[in-house]
């Protein structure tokens, strides 16, 4: 696949700045592991609070991590004055997510003027070995001319 050209040469700093404002990702302890034009990898260390009743990472946690990784993969290609939001996503949970950490990797498959299609892979890592535990595909919308700041979506109340 041909590499994407970002619209904003400072996309990596813009993505990292936006990620720092993601309260949900901060709450679960996720961090950006890599950000490139059209690609993002998020990393999440294991914590018991993130598991379901059998001790595996909860499927909702996997999905939230993949959603954010995909959003930043798409966002990395947008202009500096744009923002991003999820339109839809589908996740297939393929194996119990057991390990020291999760890695969610997202790659833009198609970059459109308004909509971007992104594929997501989530891996559980244990002792350096990765097991793919989820795979997904989704769509993210470019909100043109709406900077990625909280006041853009404020309804005044």
C-alpha atoms as a PDB file:
ATOM      1  CA  UNK A   1       0.000   0.000   0.000  1.00  0.00           C
ATOM      2  CA  UNK A   2       1.275   3.450  -0.953  1.00  0.00           C
ATOM      3  CA  UNK A   3       2.101   5.624   2.092  1.00  0.00           C
ATOM      4  CA  UNK A   4      -0.248   8.500   2.853  1.00  0.00           C
ATOM      5  CA  UNK A   5       0.838  12.123   2.807  1.00  0.00           C
ATOM      6  CA  UNK A   6      -0.460  14.044   5.836  1.00  0.00           C
ATOM      7  CA  UNK A   7      -2.171  17.394   5.248  1.00  0.00           C
ATOM      8  CA  UNK A   8      -0.456  18.799   8.352  1.00  0.00           C
ATOM      9  CA  UNK A   9       3.331  18.359   8.622  1.00  0.00           C
ATOM     10  CA  UNK A  10       3.001  18.701  12.422  1.00  0.00           C
ATOM     11  CA  UNK A  11       0.378  15.896  12.635  1.00  0.00           C
ATOM     12  CA  UNK A  12       2.248  13.816  15.229  1.00  0.00           C
ATOM     13  CA  UNK A  13       2.411  16.645  17.790  1.00  0.00           C
ATOM     14  CA  UNK A  14      -1.241  17.538  17.081  1.00  0.00           C
ATOM     15  CA  UNK A  15      -2.317  13.906  17.620  1.00  0.00           C
ATOM     16  CA  UNK A  16      -0.315  13.603  20.847  1.00  0.00           C
ATOM     17  CA  UNK A  17      -1.777  16.869  22.140  1.00  0.00           C
ATOM     18  CA  UNK A  18      -5.311  15.702  21.368  1.00  0.00           C
ATOM     19  CA  UNK A  19      -4.651  12.321  22.973  1.00  0.00           C
ATOM     20  CA  UNK A  20      -3.588  14.062  26.200  1.00  0.00           C
ATOM     21  CA  UNK A  21      -7.119  15.513  26.403  1.00  0.00           C
ATOM     22  CA  UNK A  22      -8.761  12.075  26.108  1.00  0.00           C
ATOM     23  CA  UNK A  23     -10.036  11.511  29.629  1.00  0.00           C
ATOM     24  CA  UNK A  24     -11.216   7.951  28.879  1.00  0.00           C
ATOM     25  CA  UNK A  25      -7.774   6.881  27.645  1.00  0.00           C
ATOM     26  CA  UNK A  26      -6.144   8.512  30.674  1.00  0.00           C
ATOM     27  CA  UNK A  27      -8.587   6.702  32.962  1.00  0.00           C
ATOM     28  CA  UNK A  28      -7.637   3.266  31.614  1.00  0.00           C
ATOM     29  CA  UNK A  29      -3.913   4.120  31.336  1.00  0.00           C
ATOM     30  CA  UNK A  30      -3.466   3.978  27.552  1.00  0.00           C
ATOM     31  CA  UNK A  31      -0.521   5.634  25.824  1.00  0.00           C
ATOM     32  CA  UNK A  32       0.489   6.315  22.240  1.00  0.00           C
ATOM     33  CA  UNK A  33       3.166   3.828  21.232  1.00  0.00           C
ATOM     34  CA  UNK A  34       3.551   5.080  17.645  1.00  0.00           C
ATOM     35  CA  UNK A  35       1.950   7.658  15.378  1.00  0.00           C
ATOM     36  CA  UNK A  36       2.684   7.866  11.658  1.00  0.00           C
ATOM     37  CA  UNK A  37       0.738   9.226   8.711  1.00  0.00           C
ATOM     38  CA  UNK A  38      -2.294   6.924   8.528  1.00  0.00           C
ATOM     39  CA  UNK A  39      -1.173   4.669  11.404  1.00  0.00           C
ATOM     40  CA  UNK A  40      -1.472   4.664  15.182  1.00  0.00           C
ATOM     41  CA  UNK A  41      -0.554   2.142  17.877  1.00  0.00           C
ATOM     42  CA  UNK A  42      -1.897   2.508  21.398  1.00  0.00           C
ATOM     43  CA  UNK A  43      -0.555   0.513  24.335  1.00  0.00           C
ATOM     44  CA  UNK A  44      -2.340  -0.430  27.541  1.00  0.00           C
ATOM     45  CA  UNK A  45      -0.700  -2.200  30.505  1.00  0.00           C
ATOM     46  CA  UNK A  46      -2.669  -4.905  32.297  1.00  0.00           C
ATOM     47  CA  UNK A  47      -4.618  -3.849  35.369  1.00  0.00           C
ATOM     48  CA  UNK A  48      -7.120  -6.011  37.175  1.00  0.00           C
ATOM     49  CA  UNK A  49      -9.681  -3.175  36.998  1.00  0.00           C
ATOM     50  CA  UNK A  50      -9.760  -3.578  33.196  1.00  0.00           C
ATOM     51  CA  UNK A  51     -10.819  -7.228  33.224  1.00  0.00           C
ATOM     52  CA  UNK A  52     -14.043  -9.161  33.023  1.00  0.00           C
ATOM     53  CA  UNK A  53     -15.083 -11.943  35.408  1.00  0.00           C
ATOM     54  CA  UNK A  54     -12.578 -14.493  34.002  1.00  0.00           C
ATOM     55  CA  UNK A  55      -9.578 -12.193  34.379  1.00  0.00           C
ATOM     56  CA  UNK A  56      -9.199 -11.343  30.669  1.00  0.00           C
ATOM     57  CA  UNK A  57      -9.152  -7.750  29.399  1.00  0.00           C
ATOM     58  CA  UNK A  58     -12.796  -6.769  28.932  1.00  0.00           C
ATOM     59  CA  UNK A  59     -14.081  -6.619  25.331  1.00  0.00           C
ATOM     60  CA  UNK A  60     -15.267  -3.058  25.886  1.00  0.00           C
ATOM     61  CA  UNK A  61     -11.729  -2.039  26.829  1.00  0.00           C
ATOM     62  CA  UNK A  62     -10.344  -3.677  23.665  1.00  0.00           C
ATOM     63  CA  UNK A  63     -12.946  -1.873  21.577  1.00  0.00           C
ATOM     64  CA  UNK A  64     -12.348   1.524  23.214  1.00  0.00           C
ATOM     65  CA  UNK A  65      -8.603   1.170  22.660  1.00  0.00           C
ATOM     66  CA  UNK A  66      -9.074   0.168  19.001  1.00  0.00           C
ATOM     67  CA  UNK A  67     -11.576   3.009  18.454  1.00  0.00           C
ATOM     68  CA  UNK A  68      -9.104   5.605  19.716  1.00  0.00           C
ATOM     69  CA  UNK A  69      -6.194   4.128  17.753  1.00  0.00           C
ATOM     70  CA  UNK A  70      -8.265   4.219  14.570  1.00  0.00           C
ATOM     71  CA  UNK A  71      -9.447   7.757  15.250  1.00  0.00           C
ATOM     72  CA  UNK A  72      -5.861   8.957  15.535  1.00  0.00           C
ATOM     73  CA  UNK A  73      -4.781   7.023  12.434  1.00  0.00           C
ATOM     74  CA  UNK A  74      -7.475   8.913  10.498  1.00  0.00           C
ATOM     75  CA  UNK A  75      -6.847  12.217  12.308  1.00  0.00           C
ATOM     76  CA  UNK A  76      -3.149  12.066  11.417  1.00  0.00           C
ATOM     77  CA  UNK A  77      -4.091  12.710   7.778  1.00  0.00           C
ATOM     78  CA  UNK A  78      -6.392  15.683   8.403  1.00  0.00           C
ATOM     79  CA  UNK A  79      -5.595  19.378   8.210  1.00  0.00           C
ATOM     80  CA  UNK A  80      -4.646  21.153  11.417  1.00  0.00           C
ATOM     81  CA  UNK A  81      -8.008  22.959  11.579  1.00  0.00           C
ATOM     82  CA  UNK A  82     -10.058  19.723  11.392  1.00  0.00           C
ATOM     83  CA  UNK A  83     -11.324  17.268  13.976  1.00  0.00           C
ATOM     84  CA  UNK A  84     -12.441  13.620  13.915  1.00  0.00           C
ATOM     85  CA  UNK A  85     -15.293  11.495  15.232  1.00  0.00           C
ATOM     86  CA  UNK A  86     -16.257   7.847  14.925  1.00  0.00           C
ATOM     87  CA  UNK A  87     -19.138   7.104  12.556  1.00  0.00           C
ATOM     88  CA  UNK A  88     -19.293   3.326  12.982  1.00  0.00           C
ATOM     89  CA  UNK A  89     -17.120   0.359  13.847  1.00  0.00           C
ATOM     90  CA  UNK A  90     -17.315  -3.415  13.945  1.00  0.00           C
ATOM     91  CA  UNK A  91     -15.079  -5.492  16.176  1.00  0.00           C
ATOM     92  CA  UNK A  92     -14.575  -9.226  16.064  1.00  0.00           C
ATOM     93  CA  UNK A  93     -13.282 -10.617  19.363  1.00  0.00           C
ATOM     94  CA  UNK A  94     -11.221 -13.640  18.338  1.00  0.00           C
ATOM     95  CA  UNK A  95      -9.459 -14.897  21.467  1.00  0.00           C
ATOM     96  CA  UNK A  96      -9.363 -14.222  25.210  1.00  0.00           C
ATOM     97  CA  UNK A  97      -7.243 -11.134  25.814  1.00  0.00           C
ATOM     98  CA  UNK A  98      -4.721 -12.308  28.389  1.00  0.00           C
ATOM     99  CA  UNK A  99      -1.319 -10.718  28.766  1.00  0.00           C
ATOM    100  CA  UNK A 100       0.886  -8.045  30.258  1.00  0.00           C
ATOM    101  CA  UNK A 101      -0.495  -5.418  27.893  1.00  0.00           C
ATOM    102  CA  UNK A 102      -2.718  -4.723  24.921  1.00  0.00           C
ATOM    103  CA  UNK A 103      -1.556  -3.179  21.660  1.00  0.00           C
ATOM    104  CA  UNK A 104      -4.155  -1.668  19.338  1.00  0.00           C
ATOM    105  CA  UNK A 105      -2.843  -0.956  15.845  1.00  0.00           C
ATOM    106  CA  UNK A 106      -4.902   0.951  13.303  1.00  0.00           C
ATOM    107  CA  UNK A 107      -4.228   1.632   9.625  1.00  0.00           C
ATOM    108  CA  UNK A 108      -6.166   3.838   7.230  1.00  0.00           C
ATOM    109  CA  UNK A 109      -7.400   1.688   4.348  1.00  0.00           C
ATOM    110  CA  UNK A 110      -9.124   4.460   2.419  1.00  0.00           C
ATOM    111  CA  UNK A 111      -8.780   8.180   2.895  1.00  0.00           C
ATOM    112  CA  UNK A 112     -11.700  10.143   1.525  1.00  0.00           C
ATOM    113  CA  UNK A 113     -12.468  13.849   1.589  1.00  0.00           C
ATOM    114  CA  UNK A 114     -14.929  13.353   4.435  1.00  0.00           C
ATOM    115  CA  UNK A 115     -14.872   9.688   5.499  1.00  0.00           C
ATOM    116  CA  UNK A 116     -11.884   7.450   6.220  1.00  0.00           C
ATOM    117  CA  UNK A 117     -12.066   3.667   6.509  1.00  0.00           C
ATOM    118  CA  UNK A 118      -9.674   2.228   9.073  1.00  0.00           C
ATOM    119  CA  UNK A 119      -8.772  -1.354   9.980  1.00  0.00           C
ATOM    120  CA  UNK A 120      -7.858  -2.251  13.555  1.00  0.00           C
ATOM    121  CA  UNK A 121      -5.934  -5.140  15.109  1.00  0.00           C
ATOM    122  CA  UNK A 122      -5.680  -5.687  18.848  1.00  0.00           C
ATOM    123  CA  UNK A 123      -2.969  -7.906  20.307  1.00  0.00           C
ATOM    124  CA  UNK A 124      -2.406  -9.214  23.811  1.00  0.00           C
ATOM    125  CA  UNK A 125       1.290  -9.399  24.602  1.00  0.00           C
ATOM    126  CA  UNK A 126       2.790 -11.849  27.087  1.00  0.00           C
ATOM    127  CA  UNK A 127       6.553 -12.329  27.531  1.00  0.00           C
ATOM    128  CA  UNK A 128       7.208 -10.635  24.176  1.00  0.00           C
ATOM    129  CA  UNK A 129       4.762 -12.858  22.264  1.00  0.00           C
ATOM    130  CA  UNK A 130       1.756 -11.306  20.581  1.00  0.00           C
ATOM    131  CA  UNK A 131      -1.614 -12.977  20.151  1.00  0.00           C
ATOM    132  CA  UNK A 132      -4.195 -11.277  17.950  1.00  0.00           C
ATOM    133  CA  UNK A 133      -7.340 -11.051  20.057  1.00  0.00           C
ATOM    134  CA  UNK A 134      -9.551  -8.720  18.010  1.00  0.00           C
ATOM    135  CA  UNK A 135      -9.918  -7.365  14.505  1.00  0.00           C
ATOM    136  CA  UNK A 136     -12.130  -4.538  13.358  1.00  0.00           C
ATOM    137  CA  UNK A 137     -13.084  -2.159  10.610  1.00  0.00           C
ATOM    138  CA  UNK A 138     -14.715   1.224  10.924  1.00  0.00           C
ATOM    139  CA  UNK A 139     -15.389   4.657   9.513  1.00  0.00           C
ATOM    140  CA  UNK A 140     -14.279   8.034  10.880  1.00  0.00           C
ATOM    141  CA  UNK A 141     -15.511  11.426   9.742  1.00  0.00           C
ATOM    142  CA  UNK A 142     -13.403  14.514   9.143  1.00  0.00           C
ATOM    143  CA  UNK A 143     -15.079  17.520  10.741  1.00  0.00           C
ATOM    144  CA  UNK A 144     -13.702  20.175   8.407  1.00  0.00           C
ATOM    145  CA  UNK A 145     -12.830  23.507   9.954  1.00  0.00           C
ATOM    146  CA  UNK A 146     -13.786  22.354  13.449  1.00  0.00           C
ATOM    147  CA  UNK A 147     -10.575  22.318  15.486  1.00  0.00           C
ATOM    148  CA  UNK A 148     -10.057  19.521  17.953  1.00  0.00           C
ATOM    149  CA  UNK A 149     -10.897  21.547  21.037  1.00  0.00           C
ATOM    150  CA  UNK A 150     -13.651  21.034  23.620  1.00  0.00           C
ATOM    151  CA  UNK A 151     -15.402  24.350  22.924  1.00  0.00           C
ATOM    152  CA  UNK A 152     -16.145  23.338  19.316  1.00  0.00           C
ATOM    153  CA  UNK A 153     -18.894  21.004  20.516  1.00  0.00           C
ATOM    154  CA  UNK A 154     -20.115  23.031  23.463  1.00  0.00           C
ATOM    155  CA  UNK A 155     -23.836  23.725  23.384  1.00  0.00           C
ATOM    156  CA  UNK A 156     -23.518  26.574  25.835  1.00  0.00           C
ATOM    157  CA  UNK A 157     -25.156  24.674  28.664  1.00  0.00           C
END
